[in-house]
N, C-alpha and C. Protein backbone atom coordinates (compact mmCIF):
# COMPACT_ATOMS: atom_id res chain seq x y z
N MET A 1 25.66 -20.37 -18.67
CA MET A 1 25.58 -19.38 -19.72
C MET A 1 26.49 -19.81 -20.86
N ILE A 2 25.92 -19.96 -22.01
CA ILE A 2 26.68 -20.30 -23.21
C ILE A 2 27.10 -18.99 -23.86
N CYS A 3 28.39 -18.87 -24.12
CA CYS A 3 28.88 -17.67 -24.78
C CYS A 3 30.11 -18.04 -25.61
N GLU A 4 30.39 -17.19 -26.57
CA GLU A 4 31.56 -17.36 -27.42
C GLU A 4 32.67 -16.46 -26.91
N ILE A 5 33.87 -17.01 -26.76
CA ILE A 5 35.06 -16.24 -26.39
C ILE A 5 35.89 -16.05 -27.65
N ARG A 6 36.16 -14.81 -27.99
CA ARG A 6 36.96 -14.52 -29.18
C ARG A 6 37.61 -13.15 -29.06
N HIS A 7 38.56 -12.90 -29.94
CA HIS A 7 39.21 -11.59 -29.98
C HIS A 7 38.19 -10.54 -30.40
N ILE A 8 38.28 -9.39 -29.77
CA ILE A 8 37.39 -8.28 -30.09
C ILE A 8 37.81 -7.68 -31.42
N ARG A 9 36.82 -7.40 -32.24
CA ARG A 9 37.06 -6.76 -33.54
C ARG A 9 37.11 -5.24 -33.36
N LYS A 10 37.75 -4.59 -34.30
CA LYS A 10 37.91 -3.13 -34.20
C LYS A 10 36.57 -2.41 -34.07
N ASN A 11 35.55 -2.89 -34.78
CA ASN A 11 34.25 -2.22 -34.71
C ASN A 11 33.50 -2.53 -33.41
N GLU A 12 34.07 -3.35 -32.54
CA GLU A 12 33.45 -3.69 -31.26
C GLU A 12 34.12 -2.98 -30.07
N TRP A 13 35.16 -2.22 -30.35
CA TRP A 13 35.93 -1.58 -29.28
C TRP A 13 35.07 -0.70 -28.38
N GLU A 14 34.30 0.19 -28.98
CA GLU A 14 33.49 1.13 -28.19
C GLU A 14 32.49 0.38 -27.31
N MET A 15 31.87 -0.66 -27.83
CA MET A 15 30.93 -1.45 -27.06
C MET A 15 31.65 -2.13 -25.88
N ALA A 16 32.85 -2.62 -26.12
CA ALA A 16 33.62 -3.28 -25.06
C ALA A 16 34.00 -2.29 -23.96
N MET A 17 34.44 -1.11 -24.35
CA MET A 17 34.85 -0.12 -23.35
C MET A 17 33.64 0.44 -22.59
N GLN A 18 32.48 0.47 -23.24
CA GLN A 18 31.27 0.90 -22.53
C GLN A 18 30.90 -0.12 -21.46
N LEU A 19 31.05 -1.40 -21.77
CA LEU A 19 30.81 -2.44 -20.77
C LEU A 19 31.77 -2.28 -19.60
N ALA A 20 33.05 -2.04 -19.89
CA ALA A 20 34.04 -1.85 -18.82
C ALA A 20 33.66 -0.66 -17.96
N TRP A 21 33.30 0.44 -18.57
CA TRP A 21 32.95 1.66 -17.83
C TRP A 21 31.70 1.45 -16.99
N ASP A 22 30.66 0.89 -17.58
CA ASP A 22 29.39 0.68 -16.86
C ASP A 22 29.59 -0.24 -15.66
N THR A 23 30.38 -1.28 -15.84
CA THR A 23 30.62 -2.24 -14.75
C THR A 23 31.50 -1.62 -13.68
N PHE A 24 32.49 -0.85 -14.09
CA PHE A 24 33.33 -0.12 -13.14
C PHE A 24 32.47 0.77 -12.24
N LEU A 25 31.51 1.46 -12.83
CA LEU A 25 30.66 2.37 -12.05
C LEU A 25 29.88 1.63 -10.96
N VAL A 26 29.50 0.40 -11.23
CA VAL A 26 28.74 -0.39 -10.25
C VAL A 26 29.63 -0.91 -9.14
N TYR A 27 30.78 -1.51 -9.50
CA TYR A 27 31.58 -2.25 -8.53
C TYR A 27 32.82 -1.54 -8.00
N GLU A 28 33.41 -0.68 -8.77
CA GLU A 28 34.67 -0.07 -8.37
C GLU A 28 34.55 1.40 -7.98
N ALA A 29 33.83 2.17 -8.74
CA ALA A 29 33.75 3.61 -8.51
C ALA A 29 33.37 3.98 -7.07
N PRO A 30 32.46 3.23 -6.42
CA PRO A 30 32.13 3.60 -5.04
C PRO A 30 33.32 3.54 -4.08
N GLU A 31 34.37 2.80 -4.44
CA GLU A 31 35.56 2.65 -3.60
C GLU A 31 36.65 3.66 -3.96
N TYR A 32 36.45 4.44 -5.02
CA TYR A 32 37.48 5.33 -5.52
C TYR A 32 37.10 6.78 -5.27
N ASP A 33 38.12 7.65 -5.22
CA ASP A 33 37.84 9.07 -5.13
C ASP A 33 37.62 9.62 -6.54
N ASN A 34 37.30 10.90 -6.64
CA ASN A 34 37.01 11.50 -7.95
C ASN A 34 38.18 11.38 -8.92
N GLU A 35 39.40 11.50 -8.39
CA GLU A 35 40.58 11.37 -9.25
C GLU A 35 40.65 9.97 -9.87
N GLY A 36 40.40 8.95 -9.07
CA GLY A 36 40.44 7.57 -9.56
C GLY A 36 39.38 7.31 -10.62
N VAL A 37 38.17 7.80 -10.40
CA VAL A 37 37.09 7.62 -11.36
C VAL A 37 37.44 8.32 -12.67
N LYS A 38 37.95 9.55 -12.55
CA LYS A 38 38.34 10.32 -13.74
C LYS A 38 39.45 9.60 -14.51
N ASN A 39 40.46 9.09 -13.81
CA ASN A 39 41.57 8.41 -14.47
C ASN A 39 41.13 7.11 -15.14
N PHE A 40 40.22 6.38 -14.49
CA PHE A 40 39.74 5.15 -15.13
C PHE A 40 38.93 5.49 -16.38
N HIS A 41 38.11 6.53 -16.29
CA HIS A 41 37.33 6.94 -17.45
C HIS A 41 38.25 7.28 -18.62
N GLU A 42 39.31 8.01 -18.35
CA GLU A 42 40.26 8.37 -19.41
C GLU A 42 40.94 7.11 -19.98
N PHE A 43 41.20 6.14 -19.11
CA PHE A 43 41.85 4.90 -19.55
C PHE A 43 40.96 4.15 -20.55
N VAL A 44 39.67 3.98 -20.23
CA VAL A 44 38.81 3.19 -21.11
C VAL A 44 38.17 3.99 -22.23
N LYS A 45 38.05 5.29 -22.06
CA LYS A 45 37.37 6.10 -23.07
C LYS A 45 38.31 7.00 -23.86
N GLY A 46 39.56 7.10 -23.43
CA GLY A 46 40.52 7.98 -24.10
C GLY A 46 41.12 7.34 -25.34
N ASP A 47 42.02 8.09 -25.95
CA ASP A 47 42.62 7.67 -27.22
C ASP A 47 43.77 6.68 -27.08
N GLU A 48 44.54 6.75 -25.99
CA GLU A 48 45.76 5.95 -25.90
C GLU A 48 45.49 4.45 -26.02
N LEU A 49 44.60 3.92 -25.21
CA LEU A 49 44.33 2.49 -25.25
C LEU A 49 43.67 2.08 -26.57
N ARG A 50 42.72 2.89 -27.03
CA ARG A 50 42.06 2.61 -28.31
C ARG A 50 43.07 2.57 -29.44
N ASN A 51 44.00 3.52 -29.46
CA ASN A 51 45.01 3.53 -30.52
C ASN A 51 45.91 2.31 -30.45
N MET A 52 46.29 1.91 -29.24
CA MET A 52 47.10 0.69 -29.08
C MET A 52 46.35 -0.51 -29.65
N PHE A 53 45.06 -0.60 -29.34
CA PHE A 53 44.24 -1.71 -29.84
C PHE A 53 44.15 -1.68 -31.36
N MET A 54 43.88 -0.51 -31.92
CA MET A 54 43.73 -0.39 -33.37
C MET A 54 45.02 -0.75 -34.10
N LEU A 55 46.15 -0.50 -33.46
CA LEU A 55 47.45 -0.84 -34.06
C LEU A 55 47.87 -2.28 -33.80
N GLY A 56 47.05 -3.03 -33.08
CA GLY A 56 47.37 -4.42 -32.77
C GLY A 56 48.35 -4.58 -31.62
N GLU A 57 48.50 -3.54 -30.81
CA GLU A 57 49.45 -3.57 -29.69
C GLU A 57 48.77 -3.83 -28.34
N TYR A 58 47.48 -4.16 -28.36
CA TYR A 58 46.74 -4.43 -27.14
C TYR A 58 45.86 -5.65 -27.38
N TYR A 59 46.01 -6.65 -26.53
CA TYR A 59 45.29 -7.91 -26.63
C TYR A 59 43.94 -7.75 -25.96
N ALA A 60 42.86 -8.04 -26.67
CA ALA A 60 41.52 -7.90 -26.08
C ALA A 60 40.64 -9.07 -26.51
N LEU A 61 40.11 -9.76 -25.52
CA LEU A 61 39.16 -10.84 -25.74
C LEU A 61 37.80 -10.39 -25.26
N GLY A 62 36.77 -10.91 -25.91
CA GLY A 62 35.42 -10.63 -25.47
C GLY A 62 34.65 -11.92 -25.31
N ALA A 63 33.68 -11.87 -24.42
CA ALA A 63 32.68 -12.93 -24.29
C ALA A 63 31.41 -12.37 -24.90
N PHE A 64 30.82 -13.11 -25.83
CA PHE A 64 29.65 -12.64 -26.57
C PHE A 64 28.49 -13.61 -26.37
N ASP A 65 27.30 -13.05 -26.19
CA ASP A 65 26.12 -13.90 -26.01
C ASP A 65 25.62 -14.38 -27.37
N GLU A 66 24.51 -15.11 -27.36
CA GLU A 66 23.97 -15.70 -28.60
C GLU A 66 23.53 -14.64 -29.61
N ASN A 67 23.34 -13.40 -29.19
CA ASN A 67 22.99 -12.31 -30.09
C ASN A 67 24.20 -11.48 -30.50
N ASP A 68 25.40 -11.98 -30.19
CA ASP A 68 26.66 -11.32 -30.50
C ASP A 68 26.82 -9.99 -29.76
N VAL A 69 26.23 -9.90 -28.58
CA VAL A 69 26.39 -8.73 -27.71
C VAL A 69 27.48 -9.05 -26.71
N ILE A 70 28.39 -8.11 -26.50
CA ILE A 70 29.50 -8.35 -25.58
C ILE A 70 28.99 -8.37 -24.14
N ILE A 71 29.40 -9.42 -23.42
CA ILE A 71 28.99 -9.56 -22.02
C ILE A 71 30.20 -9.65 -21.10
N GLY A 72 31.40 -9.68 -21.67
CA GLY A 72 32.63 -9.70 -20.88
C GLY A 72 33.79 -9.20 -21.70
N ILE A 73 34.75 -8.59 -21.04
CA ILE A 73 35.94 -8.03 -21.71
C ILE A 73 37.18 -8.35 -20.88
N LEU A 74 38.22 -8.78 -21.56
CA LEU A 74 39.54 -8.98 -20.95
C LEU A 74 40.54 -8.25 -21.82
N GLY A 75 41.29 -7.35 -21.22
CA GLY A 75 42.32 -6.60 -21.94
C GLY A 75 43.67 -6.83 -21.30
N ILE A 76 44.68 -7.01 -22.16
CA ILE A 76 46.03 -7.29 -21.67
C ILE A 76 47.03 -6.40 -22.40
N ARG A 77 47.85 -5.72 -21.59
CA ARG A 77 48.93 -4.89 -22.13
C ARG A 77 50.15 -5.76 -22.45
N LYS A 78 51.12 -5.12 -23.07
CA LYS A 78 52.37 -5.82 -23.39
C LYS A 78 52.91 -6.54 -22.16
N HIS A 79 53.65 -7.57 -22.40
CA HIS A 79 54.27 -8.37 -21.34
C HIS A 79 53.22 -9.10 -20.50
N TRP A 80 52.03 -9.29 -21.07
CA TRP A 80 50.98 -10.11 -20.47
C TRP A 80 50.54 -9.61 -19.10
N HIS A 81 50.27 -8.31 -19.04
CA HIS A 81 49.72 -7.69 -17.84
C HIS A 81 48.23 -7.41 -18.06
N ILE A 82 47.38 -8.02 -17.25
CA ILE A 82 45.94 -7.84 -17.37
C ILE A 82 45.60 -6.42 -16.92
N SER A 83 44.94 -5.67 -17.79
CA SER A 83 44.58 -4.30 -17.43
C SER A 83 43.07 -4.09 -17.35
N LEU A 84 42.29 -5.00 -17.90
CA LEU A 84 40.83 -4.92 -17.83
C LEU A 84 40.26 -6.32 -17.73
N LEU A 85 39.32 -6.50 -16.83
CA LEU A 85 38.52 -7.73 -16.79
C LEU A 85 37.17 -7.36 -16.18
N PHE A 86 36.17 -7.32 -17.03
CA PHE A 86 34.83 -6.93 -16.59
C PHE A 86 33.79 -7.83 -17.24
N VAL A 87 32.75 -8.14 -16.48
CA VAL A 87 31.63 -8.94 -16.96
C VAL A 87 30.35 -8.18 -16.63
N GLU A 88 29.40 -8.25 -17.54
CA GLU A 88 28.09 -7.65 -17.33
C GLU A 88 27.60 -8.00 -15.92
N PRO A 89 27.23 -7.00 -15.11
CA PRO A 89 26.87 -7.27 -13.71
C PRO A 89 25.83 -8.36 -13.50
N ALA A 90 24.81 -8.43 -14.33
CA ALA A 90 23.76 -9.44 -14.16
C ALA A 90 24.27 -10.86 -14.43
N LEU A 91 25.47 -10.97 -15.00
CA LEU A 91 26.00 -12.29 -15.39
C LEU A 91 27.21 -12.70 -14.55
N HIS A 92 27.45 -12.01 -13.45
CA HIS A 92 28.56 -12.41 -12.57
C HIS A 92 28.31 -13.80 -12.01
N HIS A 93 29.38 -14.48 -11.65
CA HIS A 93 29.35 -15.81 -11.01
C HIS A 93 28.80 -16.89 -11.94
N GLN A 94 29.02 -16.72 -13.23
CA GLN A 94 28.61 -17.74 -14.21
C GLN A 94 29.80 -18.28 -14.99
N GLY A 95 31.01 -17.95 -14.57
CA GLY A 95 32.20 -18.51 -15.19
C GLY A 95 32.72 -17.75 -16.39
N ILE A 96 32.14 -16.61 -16.71
CA ILE A 96 32.55 -15.87 -17.90
C ILE A 96 33.96 -15.30 -17.75
N ALA A 97 34.25 -14.67 -16.62
CA ALA A 97 35.59 -14.12 -16.41
C ALA A 97 36.63 -15.22 -16.39
N THR A 98 36.29 -16.35 -15.79
CA THR A 98 37.22 -17.49 -15.76
C THR A 98 37.50 -17.98 -17.16
N ARG A 99 36.47 -18.08 -18.00
CA ARG A 99 36.67 -18.54 -19.37
C ARG A 99 37.53 -17.55 -20.17
N LEU A 100 37.32 -16.26 -19.95
CA LEU A 100 38.16 -15.26 -20.62
C LEU A 100 39.62 -15.44 -20.22
N LEU A 101 39.87 -15.59 -18.93
CA LEU A 101 41.25 -15.77 -18.46
C LEU A 101 41.86 -17.07 -18.97
N GLU A 102 41.10 -18.15 -18.96
CA GLU A 102 41.62 -19.43 -19.46
C GLU A 102 42.03 -19.32 -20.92
N ALA A 103 41.25 -18.60 -21.72
CA ALA A 103 41.62 -18.39 -23.13
C ALA A 103 42.91 -17.59 -23.24
N ALA A 104 43.06 -16.58 -22.40
CA ALA A 104 44.29 -15.78 -22.41
C ALA A 104 45.48 -16.61 -21.93
N PHE A 105 45.28 -17.42 -20.90
CA PHE A 105 46.36 -18.29 -20.41
C PHE A 105 46.84 -19.22 -21.53
N LYS A 106 45.91 -19.76 -22.28
CA LYS A 106 46.26 -20.66 -23.38
C LYS A 106 47.07 -19.92 -24.45
N ASP A 107 46.62 -18.72 -24.82
CA ASP A 107 47.35 -17.93 -25.82
C ASP A 107 48.75 -17.56 -25.31
N ALA A 108 48.82 -17.16 -24.03
CA ALA A 108 50.12 -16.79 -23.45
C ALA A 108 51.07 -17.97 -23.43
N ALA A 109 50.58 -19.13 -22.99
CA ALA A 109 51.42 -20.33 -22.93
C ALA A 109 51.91 -20.71 -24.31
N ALA A 110 51.08 -20.54 -25.32
CA ALA A 110 51.48 -20.86 -26.71
C ALA A 110 52.63 -19.96 -27.17
N GLU A 111 52.75 -18.79 -26.57
CA GLU A 111 53.85 -17.88 -26.89
C GLU A 111 55.04 -18.05 -25.96
N GLY A 112 54.99 -19.04 -25.08
CA GLY A 112 56.09 -19.30 -24.17
C GLY A 112 56.10 -18.44 -22.92
N VAL A 113 55.00 -17.75 -22.66
CA VAL A 113 54.89 -16.90 -21.48
C VAL A 113 54.75 -17.80 -20.25
N THR A 114 55.48 -17.48 -19.19
CA THR A 114 55.45 -18.31 -17.99
C THR A 114 54.68 -17.69 -16.82
N GLU A 115 54.36 -16.38 -16.91
CA GLU A 115 53.56 -15.76 -15.86
C GLU A 115 52.80 -14.57 -16.41
N MET A 116 51.70 -14.25 -15.73
CA MET A 116 50.92 -13.07 -16.05
C MET A 116 50.73 -12.27 -14.77
N THR A 117 50.56 -10.96 -14.93
CA THR A 117 50.38 -10.09 -13.78
C THR A 117 49.07 -9.32 -13.91
N VAL A 118 48.63 -8.77 -12.78
CA VAL A 118 47.45 -7.93 -12.75
C VAL A 118 47.57 -7.00 -11.55
N PHE A 119 47.01 -5.82 -11.67
CA PHE A 119 46.82 -4.93 -10.53
C PHE A 119 45.34 -5.04 -10.18
N SER A 120 45.03 -5.93 -9.27
CA SER A 120 43.64 -6.24 -8.96
C SER A 120 42.96 -5.14 -8.16
N ALA A 121 41.77 -4.77 -8.62
CA ALA A 121 40.92 -3.87 -7.85
C ALA A 121 40.46 -4.60 -6.60
N PRO A 122 40.12 -3.87 -5.55
CA PRO A 122 39.68 -4.52 -4.31
C PRO A 122 38.55 -5.53 -4.50
N TYR A 123 37.61 -5.22 -5.37
CA TYR A 123 36.47 -6.12 -5.60
C TYR A 123 36.89 -7.47 -6.16
N ALA A 124 37.99 -7.52 -6.90
CA ALA A 124 38.36 -8.73 -7.64
C ALA A 124 39.45 -9.58 -6.99
N THR A 125 40.04 -9.15 -5.90
CA THR A 125 41.17 -9.91 -5.35
C THR A 125 40.79 -11.34 -4.98
N GLY A 126 39.63 -11.55 -4.40
CA GLY A 126 39.20 -12.91 -4.05
C GLY A 126 39.06 -13.79 -5.28
N PHE A 127 38.53 -13.25 -6.35
CA PHE A 127 38.39 -13.98 -7.61
C PHE A 127 39.76 -14.41 -8.13
N TYR A 128 40.70 -13.47 -8.17
CA TYR A 128 42.04 -13.80 -8.66
C TYR A 128 42.73 -14.83 -7.77
N HIS A 129 42.55 -14.72 -6.47
CA HIS A 129 43.14 -15.72 -5.56
C HIS A 129 42.59 -17.11 -5.86
N LYS A 130 41.29 -17.24 -6.12
CA LYS A 130 40.68 -18.54 -6.43
C LYS A 130 41.29 -19.16 -7.67
N LEU A 131 41.73 -18.32 -8.60
CA LEU A 131 42.33 -18.83 -9.83
C LEU A 131 43.82 -19.16 -9.69
N GLY A 132 44.40 -18.82 -8.54
CA GLY A 132 45.80 -19.14 -8.31
C GLY A 132 46.75 -17.96 -8.35
N PHE A 133 46.24 -16.76 -8.48
CA PHE A 133 47.09 -15.58 -8.42
C PHE A 133 47.57 -15.39 -6.99
N THR A 134 48.78 -14.88 -6.85
CA THR A 134 49.33 -14.58 -5.52
C THR A 134 49.68 -13.10 -5.46
N ASP A 135 49.57 -12.54 -4.26
CA ASP A 135 49.90 -11.13 -4.06
C ASP A 135 51.41 -10.93 -4.16
N LEU A 136 51.79 -9.87 -4.83
CA LEU A 136 53.20 -9.48 -4.90
C LEU A 136 53.54 -8.44 -3.86
N ASP A 137 52.52 -7.76 -3.33
CA ASP A 137 52.72 -6.69 -2.36
C ASP A 137 51.37 -6.37 -1.72
N ASP A 138 51.37 -5.48 -0.76
CA ASP A 138 50.14 -5.01 -0.15
C ASP A 138 49.39 -4.11 -1.13
N GLU A 139 48.15 -3.79 -0.79
CA GLU A 139 47.36 -2.89 -1.62
C GLU A 139 48.08 -1.55 -1.78
N LYS A 140 48.02 -1.02 -2.98
CA LYS A 140 48.65 0.25 -3.33
C LYS A 140 47.57 1.26 -3.70
N HIS A 141 47.96 2.53 -3.69
CA HIS A 141 47.09 3.64 -4.12
C HIS A 141 47.94 4.52 -5.03
N ALA A 142 47.45 4.72 -6.26
CA ALA A 142 48.16 5.59 -7.20
C ALA A 142 47.15 6.27 -8.10
N ASP A 143 47.25 7.56 -8.23
CA ASP A 143 46.37 8.34 -9.11
C ASP A 143 44.89 8.10 -8.79
N GLY A 144 44.59 7.88 -7.51
CA GLY A 144 43.22 7.67 -7.10
C GLY A 144 42.72 6.25 -7.29
N ILE A 145 43.59 5.36 -7.74
CA ILE A 145 43.22 3.96 -8.00
C ILE A 145 43.79 3.07 -6.90
N ARG A 146 42.96 2.16 -6.38
CA ARG A 146 43.40 1.18 -5.39
C ARG A 146 43.59 -0.16 -6.10
N TYR A 147 44.71 -0.83 -5.80
CA TYR A 147 44.97 -2.12 -6.45
C TYR A 147 45.96 -2.93 -5.62
N THR A 148 45.91 -4.23 -5.85
CA THR A 148 46.88 -5.15 -5.27
C THR A 148 47.66 -5.79 -6.42
N PRO A 149 48.98 -5.62 -6.46
CA PRO A 149 49.77 -6.28 -7.51
C PRO A 149 49.78 -7.79 -7.29
N MET A 150 49.49 -8.54 -8.35
CA MET A 150 49.41 -10.00 -8.26
C MET A 150 50.04 -10.63 -9.49
N LYS A 151 50.32 -11.93 -9.37
CA LYS A 151 50.81 -12.67 -10.53
C LYS A 151 50.33 -14.12 -10.44
N ILE A 152 50.39 -14.79 -11.59
CA ILE A 152 50.11 -16.22 -11.66
C ILE A 152 51.16 -16.87 -12.52
N GLU A 153 51.62 -18.02 -12.10
CA GLU A 153 52.57 -18.81 -12.87
C GLU A 153 51.78 -19.68 -13.84
N LEU A 154 52.15 -19.68 -15.10
CA LEU A 154 51.49 -20.50 -16.12
C LEU A 154 52.33 -21.75 -16.38
N PHE A 155 51.66 -22.85 -16.49
CA PHE A 155 52.39 -24.12 -16.72
C PHE A 155 51.87 -24.81 -17.94
């Protein structure tokens, strides 16, 4: 799959968050209780994250197809913590998420960052392990969300 990896523009935010929400519903929501689904919805559809992005305080990369439609999203909070990584379900296992992360690793390394963290959803832990992430602790449950804290050393 040929796609362009670039920073998401302000007018693309809603499209990116819709992709995150739609993909969450397929892969993550079945593993979460109602509280977790509600909290994730507020995270991607609420004002806090959008405002951070609009103010330039939230790093967001997108993968775009040849028609400039978003097919993948990577979001990173301050201190290089991955908070979103979603790819269009029909396009899984084509290297899109890996390319998004590689672009972020390059940007982070250029800023002198030596590690990145993520709270991996159960569905994604195997993917993160393949890329070299290591578990920092056992799976956690908070606010209805299940995750495994992980990190990767950047060189």
